[in-house]
N, C-alpha and C. Protein backbone atom coordinates (compact mmCIF):
# COMPACT_ATOMS: atom_id res chain seq x y z
N MET A 1 38.21 36.48 11.71
CA MET A 1 37.76 35.77 12.88
C MET A 1 37.64 34.31 12.52
N SER A 2 38.03 33.43 13.42
CA SER A 2 37.87 32.00 13.19
C SER A 2 37.37 31.33 14.45
N THR A 3 36.63 30.25 14.25
CA THR A 3 36.12 29.48 15.38
C THR A 3 36.53 28.04 15.19
N THR A 4 36.75 27.36 16.29
CA THR A 4 37.15 25.96 16.24
C THR A 4 36.01 25.11 16.77
N THR A 5 35.55 24.16 15.96
CA THR A 5 34.50 23.24 16.39
C THR A 5 34.89 21.84 15.98
N GLY A 6 34.98 20.93 16.95
CA GLY A 6 35.25 19.54 16.65
C GLY A 6 36.58 19.31 15.96
N GLY A 7 37.57 20.11 16.26
CA GLY A 7 38.89 19.93 15.68
C GLY A 7 39.08 20.60 14.34
N SER A 8 38.07 21.23 13.78
CA SER A 8 38.24 21.94 12.50
C SER A 8 38.08 23.43 12.73
N THR A 9 38.73 24.21 11.91
CA THR A 9 38.67 25.65 12.02
C THR A 9 37.91 26.20 10.83
N GLN A 10 36.95 27.11 11.10
CA GLN A 10 36.18 27.75 10.04
C GLN A 10 36.49 29.24 10.08
N ALA A 11 37.06 29.75 9.02
CA ALA A 11 37.40 31.17 8.97
C ALA A 11 36.16 31.97 8.60
N GLY A 12 35.99 33.11 9.27
CA GLY A 12 34.92 34.03 8.95
C GLY A 12 33.56 33.66 9.53
N SER A 13 33.46 32.63 10.33
CA SER A 13 32.17 32.23 10.90
C SER A 13 31.84 33.12 12.07
N THR A 14 30.57 33.42 12.23
CA THR A 14 30.10 34.18 13.39
C THR A 14 28.93 33.43 14.00
N SER A 15 28.64 33.75 15.24
CA SER A 15 27.54 33.08 15.92
C SER A 15 26.22 33.80 15.68
N GLU A 16 26.24 34.96 15.04
CA GLU A 16 25.02 35.72 14.82
C GLU A 16 24.41 35.36 13.48
N ALA A 17 23.10 35.16 13.48
CA ALA A 17 22.37 34.91 12.24
C ALA A 17 22.04 36.24 11.59
N PRO A 18 21.94 36.28 10.26
CA PRO A 18 21.56 37.54 9.61
C PRO A 18 20.15 37.94 10.02
N PRO A 19 19.86 39.23 10.05
CA PRO A 19 18.52 39.67 10.44
C PRO A 19 17.48 39.20 9.44
N THR A 20 16.29 38.92 9.94
CA THR A 20 15.19 38.55 9.07
C THR A 20 14.19 39.68 9.04
N THR A 21 13.21 39.61 8.16
CA THR A 21 12.24 40.69 8.05
C THR A 21 11.42 40.85 9.32
N GLY A 22 11.27 39.79 10.12
CA GLY A 22 10.52 39.89 11.36
C GLY A 22 11.28 40.59 12.47
N ASP A 23 12.61 40.80 12.28
CA ASP A 23 13.43 41.42 13.31
C ASP A 23 13.28 42.94 13.35
N THR A 24 12.80 43.54 12.29
CA THR A 24 12.68 44.99 12.24
C THR A 24 11.22 45.37 12.09
N ALA A 25 10.81 46.40 12.79
CA ALA A 25 9.42 46.85 12.71
C ALA A 25 9.30 47.91 11.63
N ALA A 26 8.35 47.74 10.75
CA ALA A 26 8.08 48.73 9.71
C ALA A 26 7.18 49.81 10.29
N PRO A 27 7.31 51.03 9.81
CA PRO A 27 6.43 52.08 10.30
C PRO A 27 4.97 51.78 9.93
N ASP A 28 4.05 52.19 10.78
CA ASP A 28 2.63 51.94 10.51
C ASP A 28 2.18 52.87 9.40
N MET A 29 1.89 52.28 8.25
CA MET A 29 1.46 53.07 7.09
C MET A 29 0.00 52.81 6.76
N GLY A 30 -0.72 52.15 7.65
CA GLY A 30 -2.12 51.85 7.41
C GLY A 30 -2.26 50.61 6.55
N PRO A 31 -3.47 50.28 6.18
CA PRO A 31 -3.69 49.08 5.37
C PRO A 31 -3.13 49.26 3.97
N PRO A 32 -2.72 48.16 3.34
CA PRO A 32 -2.21 48.27 1.97
C PRO A 32 -3.30 48.73 1.02
N VAL A 33 -2.90 49.49 0.01
CA VAL A 33 -3.84 50.03 -0.96
C VAL A 33 -3.45 49.51 -2.34
N ASP A 34 -4.41 48.95 -3.05
CA ASP A 34 -4.17 48.53 -4.43
C ASP A 34 -4.23 49.77 -5.31
N PRO A 35 -3.10 50.18 -5.91
CA PRO A 35 -3.08 51.45 -6.64
C PRO A 35 -4.05 51.50 -7.81
N LEU A 36 -4.44 50.36 -8.37
CA LEU A 36 -5.34 50.38 -9.51
C LEU A 36 -6.78 50.58 -9.11
N THR A 37 -7.09 50.58 -7.81
CA THR A 37 -8.44 50.86 -7.37
C THR A 37 -8.61 52.32 -6.96
N LEU A 38 -7.57 53.10 -7.05
CA LEU A 38 -7.67 54.52 -6.74
C LEU A 38 -8.34 55.26 -7.89
N GLU A 39 -8.86 56.40 -7.61
CA GLU A 39 -9.50 57.23 -8.62
C GLU A 39 -8.44 57.70 -9.62
N PRO A 40 -8.52 57.29 -10.90
CA PRO A 40 -7.50 57.69 -11.88
C PRO A 40 -7.35 59.20 -12.03
N ALA A 41 -8.43 59.94 -11.86
CA ALA A 41 -8.35 61.39 -12.00
C ALA A 41 -7.52 62.02 -10.88
N ALA A 42 -7.35 61.30 -9.76
CA ALA A 42 -6.59 61.82 -8.63
C ALA A 42 -5.10 61.48 -8.73
N THR A 43 -4.71 60.72 -9.76
CA THR A 43 -3.31 60.33 -9.91
C THR A 43 -2.50 61.49 -10.47
N VAL A 44 -1.35 61.74 -9.86
CA VAL A 44 -0.49 62.84 -10.28
C VAL A 44 0.88 62.28 -10.61
N ILE A 45 1.40 62.63 -11.78
CA ILE A 45 2.77 62.27 -12.15
C ILE A 45 3.60 63.53 -11.99
N VAL A 46 4.57 63.47 -11.10
CA VAL A 46 5.37 64.65 -10.77
C VAL A 46 6.66 64.63 -11.59
N THR A 47 6.95 65.76 -12.21
CA THR A 47 8.20 65.93 -12.96
C THR A 47 8.86 67.23 -12.49
N PRO A 48 10.13 67.40 -12.80
CA PRO A 48 10.79 68.66 -12.44
C PRO A 48 10.14 69.85 -13.14
N ALA A 49 10.39 71.04 -12.64
CA ALA A 49 9.81 72.25 -13.23
C ALA A 49 10.22 72.41 -14.69
N LEU A 50 11.47 72.06 -15.01
CA LEU A 50 11.95 72.14 -16.38
C LEU A 50 12.47 70.77 -16.81
N PRO A 51 11.56 69.85 -17.13
CA PRO A 51 12.00 68.49 -17.47
C PRO A 51 12.68 68.46 -18.84
N ASP A 52 13.66 67.56 -18.96
CA ASP A 52 14.27 67.38 -20.27
C ASP A 52 13.39 66.44 -21.10
N ALA A 53 13.77 66.20 -22.33
CA ALA A 53 12.95 65.39 -23.24
C ALA A 53 12.78 63.97 -22.72
N GLN A 54 13.81 63.39 -22.11
CA GLN A 54 13.72 62.03 -21.61
C GLN A 54 12.70 61.92 -20.48
N VAL A 55 12.69 62.87 -19.58
CA VAL A 55 11.72 62.87 -18.47
C VAL A 55 10.31 63.07 -19.00
N THR A 56 10.14 63.97 -19.96
CA THR A 56 8.82 64.22 -20.56
C THR A 56 8.30 62.97 -21.25
N ASN A 57 9.17 62.30 -22.01
CA ASN A 57 8.76 61.07 -22.69
C ASN A 57 8.40 59.98 -21.68
N ALA A 58 9.18 59.86 -20.61
CA ALA A 58 8.90 58.85 -19.59
C ALA A 58 7.57 59.13 -18.90
N ALA A 59 7.29 60.39 -18.59
CA ALA A 59 6.03 60.75 -17.94
C ALA A 59 4.85 60.46 -18.86
N ASN A 60 4.99 60.77 -20.14
CA ASN A 60 3.92 60.49 -21.10
C ASN A 60 3.69 58.99 -21.24
N PHE A 61 4.77 58.21 -21.26
CA PHE A 61 4.68 56.77 -21.36
C PHE A 61 3.97 56.19 -20.13
N LEU A 62 4.36 56.67 -18.95
CA LEU A 62 3.73 56.23 -17.70
C LEU A 62 2.24 56.58 -17.69
N GLN A 63 1.92 57.77 -18.13
CA GLN A 63 0.53 58.21 -18.17
C GLN A 63 -0.30 57.31 -19.08
N ALA A 64 0.22 56.98 -20.25
CA ALA A 64 -0.50 56.12 -21.18
C ALA A 64 -0.74 54.73 -20.59
N TRP A 65 0.26 54.16 -19.95
CA TRP A 65 0.12 52.82 -19.36
C TRP A 65 -0.80 52.84 -18.14
N LEU A 66 -0.77 53.89 -17.36
CA LEU A 66 -1.69 53.98 -16.23
C LEU A 66 -3.14 54.08 -16.71
N ARG A 67 -3.35 54.80 -17.81
CA ARG A 67 -4.70 54.89 -18.37
C ARG A 67 -5.18 53.53 -18.86
N ARG A 68 -4.26 52.79 -19.52
CA ARG A 68 -4.61 51.44 -19.99
C ARG A 68 -4.94 50.51 -18.81
N ALA A 69 -4.11 50.57 -17.77
CA ALA A 69 -4.27 49.66 -16.63
C ALA A 69 -5.52 49.95 -15.82
N SER A 70 -5.90 51.22 -15.72
CA SER A 70 -7.04 51.58 -14.89
C SER A 70 -8.34 51.63 -15.67
N GLY A 71 -8.25 51.48 -16.97
CA GLY A 71 -9.47 51.47 -17.79
C GLY A 71 -9.87 52.86 -18.11
């Protein structure tokens, strides 16, 4: 597509602006929650029923860092 303005031709130009974040409505998910203020005992790390070693190591690593971050 090309448009002509003032004697020059611009290839690929369109009259539509790209959408902005205000153009789309996000679903109502309630007020934002700071995850570090949640009860640490209520935090659940979900893994597959039969996790491989990499998934197990990642879950253990995440658990250790969440404990550090939440005190």
